[in-house]
Amino acid sequence: MSKKQRNRKTVAQNKRNRMINRRYSTTIKTLTKLFFLKVAYLHKETDIEKKKIFRVEIKLILNNIYSMVDKAVKKNVLHKNTAARKKSRIGKELNSSF
């Protein structure tokens, strides 16, 4: 394989891997924003039934966030300390809301 062909292949691989990595990053950001939005709604809500629904939704979102963060660490998209910081921040907000 010539150098020119190798360079084209490398560029294609880098582009593909970048898109895969961005998928993890953007999903984590989106889920985190959704989590904080639901927690804010939970604080404002007065109806007990709606609060129960929000709590269930928050727990589902929380599981998805933790899962995506752990997968991102496994794939070397995030550093383990960054993941720990994100999970800690989310956990603190969760403890203050329940």
Protein backbone atom coordinates (compact mmCIF):
# COMPACT_ATOMS: atom_id res chain seq x y z
CA MET A 1 0.00 0.00 0.00
CA SER A 2 1.46 3.35 -0.98
CA LYS A 3 1.74 6.25 1.42
CA LYS A 4 -0.98 8.15 -0.39
CA GLN A 5 -3.47 5.30 -0.05
CA ARG A 6 -2.50 4.80 3.60
CA ASN A 7 -3.10 8.48 4.31
CA ARG A 8 -6.55 8.36 2.73
CA LYS A 9 -7.43 5.31 4.80
CA THR A 10 -6.16 6.96 7.97
CA VAL A 11 -8.22 10.08 7.30
CA ALA A 12 -11.32 7.96 6.73
CA GLN A 13 -10.73 6.02 9.96
CA ASN A 14 -10.20 9.21 11.95
CA LYS A 15 -13.43 10.68 10.58
CA ARG A 16 -15.38 7.53 11.42
CA ASN A 17 -13.96 7.34 14.95
CA ARG A 18 -14.59 11.04 15.53
CA MET A 19 -18.27 10.60 14.70
CA ILE A 20 -18.52 7.62 17.04
CA ASN A 21 -16.86 9.58 19.85
CA ARG A 22 -19.07 12.62 19.27
CA ARG A 23 -22.13 10.40 19.60
CA TYR A 24 -21.13 9.58 23.16
CA SER A 25 -20.32 13.18 24.05
CA THR A 26 -23.48 14.69 22.64
CA THR A 27 -25.70 12.00 24.14
CA ILE A 28 -24.21 12.58 27.57
CA LYS A 29 -24.69 16.34 27.26
CA THR A 30 -28.28 15.98 26.06
CA LEU A 31 -29.22 13.53 28.81
CA THR A 32 -27.58 15.72 31.45
CA LYS A 33 -29.54 18.77 30.33
CA LEU A 34 -32.74 16.73 30.33
CA PHE A 35 -31.93 15.43 33.83
CA PHE A 36 -31.44 18.92 35.27
CA LEU A 37 -34.59 20.15 33.52
CA LYS A 38 -36.68 17.34 35.04
CA VAL A 39 -35.21 18.02 38.48
CA ALA A 40 -36.16 21.69 38.13
CA TYR A 41 -39.70 20.67 37.19
CA LEU A 42 -39.77 18.36 40.20
CA HIS A 43 -38.87 21.25 42.53
CA LYS A 44 -41.61 23.46 41.05
CA GLU A 45 -44.33 20.80 41.01
CA THR A 46 -46.83 20.67 43.88
CA ASP A 47 -49.00 17.74 42.80
CA ILE A 48 -47.88 14.49 44.47
CA GLU A 49 -48.86 12.26 41.54
CA LYS A 50 -46.89 14.34 39.05
CA LYS A 51 -43.91 14.29 41.41
CA LYS A 52 -43.99 10.49 41.39
CA ILE A 53 -44.00 10.49 37.60
CA PHE A 54 -41.07 12.92 37.49
CA ARG A 55 -39.12 10.76 39.94
CA VAL A 56 -39.57 7.68 37.75
CA GLU A 57 -38.50 9.62 34.66
CA ILE A 58 -35.48 11.03 36.50
CA LYS A 59 -34.36 7.57 37.57
CA LEU A 60 -34.59 6.28 33.99
CA ILE A 61 -32.60 9.23 32.69
CA LEU A 62 -30.06 8.76 35.47
CA ASN A 63 -29.53 5.11 34.53
CA ASN A 64 -29.01 6.10 30.90
CA ILE A 65 -26.52 8.82 31.83
CA TYR A 66 -24.48 6.51 34.04
CA SER A 67 -24.49 3.85 31.36
CA MET A 68 -23.33 6.22 28.62
CA VAL A 69 -20.62 7.74 30.82
CA ASP A 70 -19.27 4.32 31.75
CA LYS A 71 -19.28 3.21 28.11
CA ALA A 72 -17.49 6.42 27.09
CA VAL A 73 -14.78 5.70 29.66
CA LYS A 74 -14.48 2.13 28.43
CA LYS A 75 -14.02 3.37 24.84
CA ASN A 76 -11.53 6.09 25.94
CA VAL A 77 -13.82 8.91 24.88
CA LEU A 78 -13.82 10.35 28.41
CA HIS A 79 -11.14 10.24 31.06
CA LYS A 80 -12.16 8.32 34.17
CA ASN A 81 -11.81 11.40 36.41
CA THR A 82 -14.05 13.41 34.10
CA ALA A 83 -16.64 10.66 34.23
CA ALA A 84 -16.42 10.52 38.01
CA ARG A 85 -16.89 14.30 38.20
CA LYS A 86 -19.95 14.20 35.94
CA LYS A 87 -21.51 11.34 37.89
CA SER A 88 -20.79 13.05 41.21
CA ARG A 89 -22.39 16.29 40.06
CA ILE A 90 -25.49 14.45 38.91
CA GLY A 91 -25.63 12.41 42.12
CA LYS A 92 -25.46 15.53 44.28
CA GLU A 93 -28.34 17.08 42.38
CA LEU A 94 -30.33 13.87 42.73
CA ASN A 95 -29.78 13.71 46.49
CA SER A 96 -30.89 17.31 46.92
CA SER A 97 -34.09 16.69 44.94
CA PHE A 98 -35.34 13.54 46.70
